Each structure stands twice: as C-alpha cells, then as structure tokens.
Amino acid sequence: MTIPPARFRGVLLDWSGTIAAAPDYPELVAAALRERGRASDGPAVDRVMGALRGTAADRVDGPEVDLDLAAHRTSYLGWYHRAGLDPALAEALYRRIADPAVHRLVPDTGDLLAALHDAGVRVGVLSDIHTDLRPMFAARAQPAPDGRAWDTLVHAWSLSYRTRRVKPDPAAFTGAVAALGLTPVEVLMVGDRAGWDGAGVGCGITTLLLPSLRDPDERRLQRVLDLVLPGAVLPDHPLVDVPA
C-alpha cells in the first residue's frame, strides 16, 4: 500500500485513558486481599472500596503525585492508611496500583505506532506518571514478521517523573514537542481529558480528544491515523462508533 503524505510530522500520545485502560480498582483490591490470605468475595471487596471512597484522596489526585516514585508511594499509602487499611494490605494494594503493567494497552496501539513510524512521523509519549513506561513497551512486539518491540517505534518519552512537569503546565507540552525535534504546529496531541491533555492547544498544538477508555478492547486509534495519514487504515479496523 502506498503511504499517503503525513499532515503532521509528529504525534504525542497520552498514556492512561488514551492508549491504555486504567485497572479495575475492585479487582486490584480483591487480588491484594487474596495475597494476604483474606476473604476476597464481593462483601469483603465492598468494605475496602467503601472505606477508600469515604476517605479524602486529595493528595492522590494532586499534581505532585506523579513527580517521582517516592511522592507517589507516600500519597497512596497515606490515603490507604487514613481509610483504615492495615499496613500489610496497604502495601499489597500499592504494589499493584503502582505497576504500569496493570494497565492494558488497547490492541491497535502497536499497529498505530508502526504505521506512524513507517511513514516518518515522529512519535512521543507524554504522560503524567511516577515511573518508567519504556520496559513495558520494550516487552511488547509487533505481530508482524519484523517483530519490532514497541519502544523502538517511540522517538521521545516525556514522562513527568523525569521531566518534573505535569499537565496542564504548558512546559510539559513544549518540552515534549522539543524532545521530538519539532515545533507545536507540526504536532498532533492525542489524549482523553480536556483539562489536562487539551491544554496543549494554548501552546499551538492541534489536539484530538477521545472519550476516556472504558474497555481495553476498544479499537479507536484509527481516528488518529485519519488526521495524520488520511487514507491509511489500521489492520482489522472495525467501522463502529466509540461509546460516548
């Protein structure tokens, strides 16, 4: 297939909610309970979830939580302890929530990365996150015969724990664009939260906001390709609407 000319020279992809679905919290709670040898049925999980929902999580939701691993750990364990979780259960739950591998990458992520890379479009990952995503991408390979690992298809990693900048700080966006070696007008930002990912518009970055992922099996990244490489189609792209 002839690759059409690209309308953007670079794409910045948000992580959680855009190309990866956040974990189901009750499932993580159940797994933590099982690890500690405790009841993990519905009522047991509901008790823990009720305690967490009834406790202020402002520190977890604050911007500083993704500036480094220590801040992330302190914020989450503080929330769990205030909610009444004992130290052993709090640690078991934190180990799960802190691991980016609990997020499930949407199935068309690799195909999108390969299509952009092969068309000469530079790809960056721009994420507020407390730890490195590169090992997770390195462990994933394309199903194509060349077997490329996904990390080789990403040109720049703008992760908040490294850059010390979190969205919607304009410097998070301008720094990510600079890491691609491009200018804002040449880049498309793709995210799922208007107040965070949409802030790049103020820096002159064209932005595509997708509904936040509800199902990790959704295939909706064709929308990115439609803007960047009109006429190109991802393999097995279903012609269905994304739930609003």
C-alpha atoms as a PDB file:
ATOM      1  CA  MET A   1       0.000   0.000   0.000  1.00  0.00           C
ATOM      2  CA  THR A   2       1.274   3.482  -0.854  1.00  0.00           C
ATOM      3  CA  ILE A   3       1.753   5.560   2.285  1.00  0.00           C
ATOM      4  CA  PRO A   4      -0.017   8.928   1.921  1.00  0.00           C
ATOM      5  CA  PRO A   5       1.791  12.137   2.843  1.00  0.00           C
ATOM      6  CA  ALA A   6       1.500  12.964   6.535  1.00  0.00           C
ATOM      7  CA  ARG A   7      -0.401  16.034   7.665  1.00  0.00           C
ATOM      8  CA  PHE A   8       1.609  16.160  10.901  1.00  0.00           C
ATOM      9  CA  ARG A   9       5.269  15.446  11.408  1.00  0.00           C
ATOM     10  CA  GLY A  10       4.797  14.265  14.970  1.00  0.00           C
ATOM     11  CA  VAL A  11       2.215  12.758  17.322  1.00  0.00           C
ATOM     12  CA  LEU A  12       2.164  12.951  21.116  1.00  0.00           C
ATOM     13  CA  LEU A  13       0.187  10.175  22.792  1.00  0.00           C
ATOM     14  CA  ASP A  14      -1.212  10.308  26.299  1.00  0.00           C
ATOM     15  CA  TRP A  15      -0.967   7.059  28.238  1.00  0.00           C
ATOM     16  CA  SER A  16      -3.742   6.180  30.687  1.00  0.00           C
ATOM     17  CA  GLY A  17      -7.235   6.552  29.258  1.00  0.00           C
ATOM     18  CA  THR A  18      -5.942   7.008  25.719  1.00  0.00           C
ATOM     19  CA  ILE A  19      -3.822   4.035  24.667  1.00  0.00           C
ATOM     20  CA  ALA A  20      -4.121   2.110  27.942  1.00  0.00           C
ATOM     21  CA  ALA A  21      -7.150   1.340  30.097  1.00  0.00           C
ATOM     22  CA  ALA A  22      -6.852   2.016  33.821  1.00  0.00           C
ATOM     23  CA  PRO A  23      -7.189  -1.075  36.016  1.00  0.00           C
ATOM     24  CA  ASP A  24     -10.421  -2.031  37.706  1.00  0.00           C
ATOM     25  CA  TYR A  25      -9.874  -0.959  41.318  1.00  0.00           C
ATOM     26  CA  PRO A  26     -12.120  -3.605  42.917  1.00  0.00           C
ATOM     27  CA  GLU A  27     -10.154  -6.297  41.065  1.00  0.00           C
ATOM     28  CA  LEU A  28      -6.907  -4.911  42.468  1.00  0.00           C
ATOM     29  CA  VAL A  29      -8.399  -4.862  45.953  1.00  0.00           C
ATOM     30  CA  ALA A  30      -9.531  -8.479  45.583  1.00  0.00           C
ATOM     31  CA  ALA A  31      -6.058  -9.530  44.439  1.00  0.00           C
ATOM     32  CA  ALA A  32      -4.442  -7.731  47.381  1.00  0.00           C
ATOM     33  CA  LEU A  33      -6.829  -9.436  49.806  1.00  0.00           C
ATOM     34  CA  ARG A  34      -6.032 -12.840  48.316  1.00  0.00           C
ATOM     35  CA  GLU A  35      -2.312 -12.164  48.618  1.00  0.00           C
ATOM     36  CA  ARG A  36      -2.775 -11.566  52.328  1.00  0.00           C
ATOM     37  CA  GLY A  37      -4.817 -14.770  52.671  1.00  0.00           C
ATOM     38  CA  ARG A  38      -8.060 -12.952  53.405  1.00  0.00           C
ATOM     39  CA  ALA A  39     -11.602 -13.211  52.146  1.00  0.00           C
ATOM     40  CA  SER A  40     -11.847 -11.589  48.722  1.00  0.00           C
ATOM     41  CA  ASP A  41     -15.524 -12.075  47.934  1.00  0.00           C
ATOM     42  CA  GLY A  42     -17.873  -9.274  46.981  1.00  0.00           C
ATOM     43  CA  PRO A  43     -18.702  -8.080  50.516  1.00  0.00           C
ATOM     44  CA  ALA A  44     -15.020  -8.047  51.529  1.00  0.00           C
ATOM     45  CA  VAL A  45     -14.057  -6.003  48.474  1.00  0.00           C
ATOM     46  CA  ASP A  46     -17.030  -3.681  49.012  1.00  0.00           C
ATOM     47  CA  ARG A  47     -15.896  -2.957  52.576  1.00  0.00           C
ATOM     48  CA  VAL A  48     -12.452  -1.890  51.407  1.00  0.00           C
ATOM     49  CA  MET A  49     -13.826   0.105  48.494  1.00  0.00           C
ATOM     50  CA  GLY A  50     -16.326   1.798  50.803  1.00  0.00           C
ATOM     51  CA  ALA A  51     -13.519   2.815  53.159  1.00  0.00           C
ATOM     52  CA  LEU A  52     -11.481   4.221  50.270  1.00  0.00           C
ATOM     53  CA  ARG A  53     -14.411   6.110  48.761  1.00  0.00           C
ATOM     54  CA  GLY A  54     -15.222   7.600  52.147  1.00  0.00           C
ATOM     55  CA  THR A  55     -11.704   8.972  52.643  1.00  0.00           C
ATOM     56  CA  ALA A  56     -10.380  12.134  51.033  1.00  0.00           C
ATOM     57  CA  ALA A  57      -7.919  11.299  48.266  1.00  0.00           C
ATOM     58  CA  ASP A  58      -6.840  14.853  47.509  1.00  0.00           C
ATOM     59  CA  ARG A  59      -3.139  14.029  47.764  1.00  0.00           C
ATOM     60  CA  VAL A  60      -3.554  11.155  45.322  1.00  0.00           C
ATOM     61  CA  ASP A  61      -5.358  13.436  42.886  1.00  0.00           C
ATOM     62  CA  GLY A  62      -2.823  16.254  43.228  1.00  0.00           C
ATOM     63  CA  PRO A  63      -0.208  17.029  40.564  1.00  0.00           C
ATOM     64  CA  GLU A  64       2.758  16.217  42.798  1.00  0.00           C
ATOM     65  CA  VAL A  65       1.818  12.529  42.936  1.00  0.00           C
ATOM     66  CA  ASP A  66       3.386  11.852  39.537  1.00  0.00           C
ATOM     67  CA  LEU A  67       6.597  13.809  40.017  1.00  0.00           C
ATOM     68  CA  ASP A  68       8.501  10.882  41.481  1.00  0.00           C
ATOM     69  CA  LEU A  69       8.045   7.394  42.863  1.00  0.00           C
ATOM     70  CA  ALA A  70       8.570   8.457  46.483  1.00  0.00           C
ATOM     71  CA  ALA A  71       5.817  11.080  46.273  1.00  0.00           C
ATOM     72  CA  HIS A  72       3.515   8.576  44.594  1.00  0.00           C
ATOM     73  CA  ARG A  73       4.099   5.963  47.261  1.00  0.00           C
ATOM     74  CA  THR A  74       3.679   8.421  50.128  1.00  0.00           C
ATOM     75  CA  SER A  75       0.440   9.795  48.690  1.00  0.00           C
ATOM     76  CA  TYR A  76      -1.193   6.426  48.082  1.00  0.00           C
ATOM     77  CA  LEU A  77      -0.099   4.754  51.311  1.00  0.00           C
ATOM     78  CA  GLY A  78      -1.245   7.824  53.227  1.00  0.00           C
ATOM     79  CA  TRP A  79      -4.691   7.512  51.626  1.00  0.00           C
ATOM     80  CA  TYR A  80      -4.886   3.798  52.371  1.00  0.00           C
ATOM     81  CA  HIS A  81      -3.838   4.262  55.986  1.00  0.00           C
ATOM     82  CA  ARG A  82      -6.334   7.105  56.531  1.00  0.00           C
ATOM     83  CA  ALA A  83      -9.012   4.790  55.132  1.00  0.00           C
ATOM     84  CA  GLY A  84      -8.158   2.241  57.818  1.00  0.00           C
ATOM     85  CA  LEU A  85      -6.300  -0.335  55.737  1.00  0.00           C
ATOM     86  CA  ASP A  86      -3.674  -2.159  57.788  1.00  0.00           C
ATOM     87  CA  PRO A  87      -0.038  -1.810  56.620  1.00  0.00           C
ATOM     88  CA  ALA A  88       0.165  -5.284  55.058  1.00  0.00           C
ATOM     89  CA  LEU A  89      -2.960  -4.816  52.949  1.00  0.00           C
ATOM     90  CA  ALA A  90      -1.961  -1.239  52.070  1.00  0.00           C
ATOM     91  CA  GLU A  91       1.414  -2.440  50.787  1.00  0.00           C
ATOM     92  CA  ALA A  92      -0.149  -5.272  48.786  1.00  0.00           C
ATOM     93  CA  LEU A  93      -2.621  -2.898  47.150  1.00  0.00           C
ATOM     94  CA  TYR A  94       0.009  -0.260  46.461  1.00  0.00           C
ATOM     95  CA  ARG A  95       2.304  -2.717  44.688  1.00  0.00           C
ATOM     96  CA  ARG A  96      -0.482  -3.345  42.232  1.00  0.00           C
ATOM     97  CA  ILE A  97      -1.610   0.220  41.624  1.00  0.00           C
ATOM     98  CA  ALA A  98       1.993   1.405  41.208  1.00  0.00           C
ATOM     99  CA  ASP A  99       2.770  -1.102  38.455  1.00  0.00           C
ATOM    100  CA  PRO A 100       2.013   0.348  34.988  1.00  0.00           C
ATOM    101  CA  ALA A 101       1.591  -3.216  33.713  1.00  0.00           C
ATOM    102  CA  VAL A 102      -1.835  -3.322  35.403  1.00  0.00           C
ATOM    103  CA  HIS A 103      -2.961  -1.021  32.601  1.00  0.00           C
ATOM    104  CA  ARG A 104      -3.998  -2.855  29.449  1.00  0.00           C
ATOM    105  CA  LEU A 105      -2.781  -1.389  26.179  1.00  0.00           C
ATOM    106  CA  VAL A 106      -5.500  -1.160  23.564  1.00  0.00           C
ATOM    107  CA  PRO A 107      -4.998  -3.748  20.816  1.00  0.00           C
ATOM    108  CA  ASP A 108      -4.354  -1.281  17.999  1.00  0.00           C
ATOM    109  CA  THR A 109      -1.561   0.591  19.799  1.00  0.00           C
ATOM    110  CA  GLY A 110       1.216  -1.352  18.090  1.00  0.00           C
ATOM    111  CA  ASP A 111      -0.348  -1.016  14.661  1.00  0.00           C
ATOM    112  CA  LEU A 112      -0.681   2.749  15.112  1.00  0.00           C
ATOM    113  CA  LEU A 113       2.919   3.103  16.293  1.00  0.00           C
ATOM    114  CA  ALA A 114       4.178   1.072  13.335  1.00  0.00           C
ATOM    115  CA  ALA A 115       2.087   2.993  10.797  1.00  0.00           C
ATOM    116  CA  LEU A 116       3.296   6.356  12.083  1.00  0.00           C
ATOM    117  CA  HIS A 117       6.911   5.243  12.369  1.00  0.00           C
ATOM    118  CA  ASP A 118       6.974   3.773   8.855  1.00  0.00           C
ATOM    119  CA  ALA A 119       5.519   6.991   7.429  1.00  0.00           C
ATOM    120  CA  GLY A 120       8.294   9.024   9.028  1.00  0.00           C
ATOM    121  CA  VAL A 121       6.046  10.552  11.679  1.00  0.00           C
ATOM    122  CA  ARG A 122       7.858  11.055  14.981  1.00  0.00           C
ATOM    123  CA  VAL A 123       6.003   9.634  17.983  1.00  0.00           C
ATOM    124  CA  GLY A 124       6.234  10.748  21.591  1.00  0.00           C
ATOM    125  CA  VAL A 125       4.531   9.536  24.753  1.00  0.00           C
ATOM    126  CA  LEU A 126       3.517  12.405  27.046  1.00  0.00           C
ATOM    127  CA  SER A 127       2.260  11.132  30.389  1.00  0.00           C
ATOM    128  CA  ASP A 128       1.899  12.180  33.995  1.00  0.00           C
ATOM    129  CA  ILE A 129       3.350   9.053  35.563  1.00  0.00           C
ATOM    130  CA  HIS A 130       5.538   8.169  38.524  1.00  0.00           C
ATOM    131  CA  THR A 131       7.682   5.522  36.843  1.00  0.00           C
ATOM    132  CA  ASP A 132       9.155   4.374  33.532  1.00  0.00           C
ATOM    133  CA  LEU A 133       6.891   3.057  30.780  1.00  0.00           C
ATOM    134  CA  ARG A 134       9.724   2.006  28.477  1.00  0.00           C
ATOM    135  CA  PRO A 135      10.240  -1.522  29.877  1.00  0.00           C
ATOM    136  CA  MET A 136       6.554  -2.274  29.332  1.00  0.00           C
ATOM    137  CA  PHE A 137       6.763  -1.112  25.723  1.00  0.00           C
ATOM    138  CA  ALA A 138      10.033  -2.983  25.199  1.00  0.00           C
ATOM    139  CA  ALA A 139       8.323  -6.207  26.246  1.00  0.00           C
ATOM    140  CA  ARG A 140       5.666  -5.799  23.557  1.00  0.00           C
ATOM    141  CA  ALA A 141       6.400  -6.744  19.952  1.00  0.00           C
ATOM    142  CA  GLN A 142       4.514  -6.263  16.745  1.00  0.00           C
ATOM    143  CA  PRO A 143       2.811  -9.383  15.365  1.00  0.00           C
ATOM    144  CA  ALA A 144       4.434  -8.524  12.016  1.00  0.00           C
ATOM    145  CA  PRO A 145       7.356 -10.666  10.799  1.00  0.00           C
ATOM    146  CA  ASP A 146       9.912  -7.999  11.736  1.00  0.00           C
ATOM    147  CA  GLY A 147       8.966  -8.440  15.415  1.00  0.00           C
ATOM    148  CA  ARG A 148       9.821  -4.857  16.381  1.00  0.00           C
ATOM    149  CA  ALA A 149       9.422  -4.027  20.043  1.00  0.00           C
ATOM    150  CA  TRP A 150       7.078  -1.131  20.655  1.00  0.00           C
ATOM    151  CA  ASP A 151       9.686   1.012  22.398  1.00  0.00           C
ATOM    152  CA  THR A 152      11.697   1.173  19.158  1.00  0.00           C
ATOM    153  CA  LEU A 153       8.723   2.883  17.493  1.00  0.00           C
ATOM    154  CA  VAL A 154       8.649   5.754  20.013  1.00  0.00           C
ATOM    155  CA  HIS A 155      11.088   8.605  19.463  1.00  0.00           C
ATOM    156  CA  ALA A 156      10.686  10.526  22.733  1.00  0.00           C
ATOM    157  CA  TRP A 157       9.420   9.796  26.239  1.00  0.00           C
ATOM    158  CA  SER A 158       8.137  12.826  28.138  1.00  0.00           C
ATOM    159  CA  LEU A 159       7.260  11.258  31.479  1.00  0.00           C
ATOM    160  CA  SER A 160       6.571  13.561  34.405  1.00  0.00           C
ATOM    161  CA  TYR A 161       8.809  11.738  36.870  1.00  0.00           C
ATOM    162  CA  ARG A 162      11.713  12.532  34.517  1.00  0.00           C
ATOM    163  CA  THR A 163      10.731  15.982  33.227  1.00  0.00           C
ATOM    164  CA  ARG A 164       9.352  17.269  36.565  1.00  0.00           C
ATOM    165  CA  ARG A 165       6.460  18.793  34.624  1.00  0.00           C
ATOM    166  CA  VAL A 166       2.831  17.692  34.754  1.00  0.00           C
ATOM    167  CA  LYS A 167      -0.127  18.606  32.601  1.00  0.00           C
ATOM    168  CA  PRO A 168      -1.649  21.146  32.181  1.00  0.00           C
ATOM    169  CA  ASP A 169       1.650  23.013  32.667  1.00  0.00           C
ATOM    170  CA  PRO A 170       2.490  24.452  29.216  1.00  0.00           C
ATOM    171  CA  ALA A 171       6.111  23.443  29.774  1.00  0.00           C
ATOM    172  CA  ALA A 172       5.055  19.786  29.760  1.00  0.00           C
ATOM    173  CA  PHE A 173       3.794  20.211  26.204  1.00  0.00           C
ATOM    174  CA  THR A 174       6.509  22.470  24.831  1.00  0.00           C
ATOM    175  CA  GLY A 175       9.140  20.186  26.316  1.00  0.00           C
ATOM    176  CA  ALA A 176       7.546  17.131  24.692  1.00  0.00           C
ATOM    177  CA  VAL A 177       7.419  18.876  21.322  1.00  0.00           C
ATOM    178  CA  ALA A 178      11.054  19.921  21.657  1.00  0.00           C
ATOM    179  CA  ALA A 179      12.001  16.323  22.507  1.00  0.00           C
ATOM    180  CA  LEU A 180      10.592  15.345  19.105  1.00  0.00           C
ATOM    181  CA  GLY A 181      12.717  17.988  17.451  1.00  0.00           C
ATOM    182  CA  LEU A 182       9.614  19.690  16.048  1.00  0.00           C
ATOM    183  CA  THR A 183       7.502  22.815  16.501  1.00  0.00           C
ATOM    184  CA  PRO A 184       3.980  22.902  18.004  1.00  0.00           C
ATOM    185  CA  VAL A 185       2.271  23.452  14.646  1.00  0.00           C
ATOM    186  CA  GLU A 186       3.825  20.231  13.327  1.00  0.00           C
ATOM    187  CA  VAL A 187       2.479  18.028  16.136  1.00  0.00           C
ATOM    188  CA  LEU A 188      -0.856  16.377  16.969  1.00  0.00           C
ATOM    189  CA  MET A 189      -1.565  15.735  20.657  1.00  0.00           C
ATOM    190  CA  VAL A 190      -3.894  12.813  21.434  1.00  0.00           C
ATOM    191  CA  GLY A 191      -5.481  12.494  24.859  1.00  0.00           C
ATOM    192  CA  ASP A 192      -8.687  11.875  26.784  1.00  0.00           C
ATOM    193  CA  ARG A 193      -9.003  14.711  29.322  1.00  0.00           C
ATOM    194  CA  ALA A 194      -9.809  18.228  28.171  1.00  0.00           C
ATOM    195  CA  GLY A 195      -8.468  19.955  31.269  1.00  0.00           C
ATOM    196  CA  TRP A 196      -5.117  18.189  31.047  1.00  0.00           C
ATOM    197  CA  ASP A 197      -4.388  16.889  27.556  1.00  0.00           C
ATOM    198  CA  GLY A 198      -6.327  19.741  25.966  1.00  0.00           C
ATOM    199  CA  ALA A 199      -4.049  22.353  27.497  1.00  0.00           C
ATOM    200  CA  GLY A 200      -1.607  21.901  24.646  1.00  0.00           C
ATOM    201  CA  VAL A 201      -3.948  23.945  22.459  1.00  0.00           C
ATOM    202  CA  GLY A 202      -2.740  27.026  24.295  1.00  0.00           C
ATOM    203  CA  CYS A 203       0.767  26.203  23.093  1.00  0.00           C
ATOM    204  CA  GLY A 204      -0.356  25.989  19.467  1.00  0.00           C
ATOM    205  CA  ILE A 205      -0.654  22.188  19.375  1.00  0.00           C
ATOM    206  CA  THR A 206      -3.569  20.716  17.438  1.00  0.00           C
ATOM    207  CA  THR A 207      -5.300  18.301  19.818  1.00  0.00           C
ATOM    208  CA  LEU A 208      -7.544  15.266  19.392  1.00  0.00           C
ATOM    209  CA  LEU A 209      -9.553  14.379  22.498  1.00  0.00           C
ATOM    210  CA  LEU A 210     -11.000  10.871  22.572  1.00  0.00           C
ATOM    211  CA  PRO A 211     -13.540   9.593  25.102  1.00  0.00           C
ATOM    212  CA  SER A 212     -11.634   8.080  28.018  1.00  0.00           C
ATOM    213  CA  LEU A 213     -11.198   4.335  27.582  1.00  0.00           C
ATOM    214  CA  ARG A 214     -13.867   2.222  29.214  1.00  0.00           C
ATOM    215  CA  ASP A 215     -12.999  -1.058  27.542  1.00  0.00           C
ATOM    216  CA  PRO A 216      -9.366  -2.050  26.854  1.00  0.00           C
ATOM    217  CA  ASP A 217     -10.544  -3.983  23.794  1.00  0.00           C
ATOM    218  CA  GLU A 218     -11.757  -0.822  22.063  1.00  0.00           C
ATOM    219  CA  ARG A 219     -10.154  -0.130  18.700  1.00  0.00           C
ATOM    220  CA  ARG A 220     -10.450   3.600  18.169  1.00  0.00           C
ATOM    221  CA  LEU A 221      -6.939   4.732  17.221  1.00  0.00           C
ATOM    222  CA  GLN A 222      -7.934   4.806  13.549  1.00  0.00           C
ATOM    223  CA  ARG A 223      -9.154   8.313  14.378  1.00  0.00           C
ATOM    224  CA  VAL A 224      -5.539   9.344  14.921  1.00  0.00           C
ATOM    225  CA  LEU A 225      -4.480   7.907  11.589  1.00  0.00           C
ATOM    226  CA  ASP A 226      -7.392   9.657   9.852  1.00  0.00           C
ATOM    227  CA  LEU A 227      -5.926  13.007  10.870  1.00  0.00           C
ATOM    228  CA  VAL A 228      -2.243  12.229  10.386  1.00  0.00           C
ATOM    229  CA  LEU A 229      -2.243   9.887   7.363  1.00  0.00           C
ATOM    230  CA  PRO A 230      -5.570  10.306   5.548  1.00  0.00           C
ATOM    231  CA  GLY A 231      -6.470   7.182   3.611  1.00  0.00           C
ATOM    232  CA  ALA A 232      -4.315   4.830   5.668  1.00  0.00           C
ATOM    233  CA  VAL A 233      -6.198   2.132   7.569  1.00  0.00           C
ATOM    234  CA  LEU A 234      -5.095   0.115  10.575  1.00  0.00           C
ATOM    235  CA  PRO A 235      -5.369  -3.686  10.249  1.00  0.00           C
ATOM    236  CA  ASP A 236      -8.703  -5.125  11.396  1.00  0.00           C
ATOM    237  CA  HIS A 237     -10.146  -1.660  11.932  1.00  0.00           C
ATOM    238  CA  PRO A 238     -13.839  -2.055  12.861  1.00  0.00           C
ATOM    239  CA  LEU A 239     -16.203   0.534  11.449  1.00  0.00           C
ATOM    240  CA  VAL A 240     -18.066   1.124  14.700  1.00  0.00           C
ATOM    241  CA  ASP A 241     -18.708   4.112  16.916  1.00  0.00           C
ATOM    242  CA  VAL A 242     -16.854   4.652  20.180  1.00  0.00           C
ATOM    243  CA  PRO A 243     -19.299   4.879  23.115  1.00  0.00           C
ATOM    244  CA  ALA A 244     -19.911   8.493  24.119  1.00  0.00           C
END
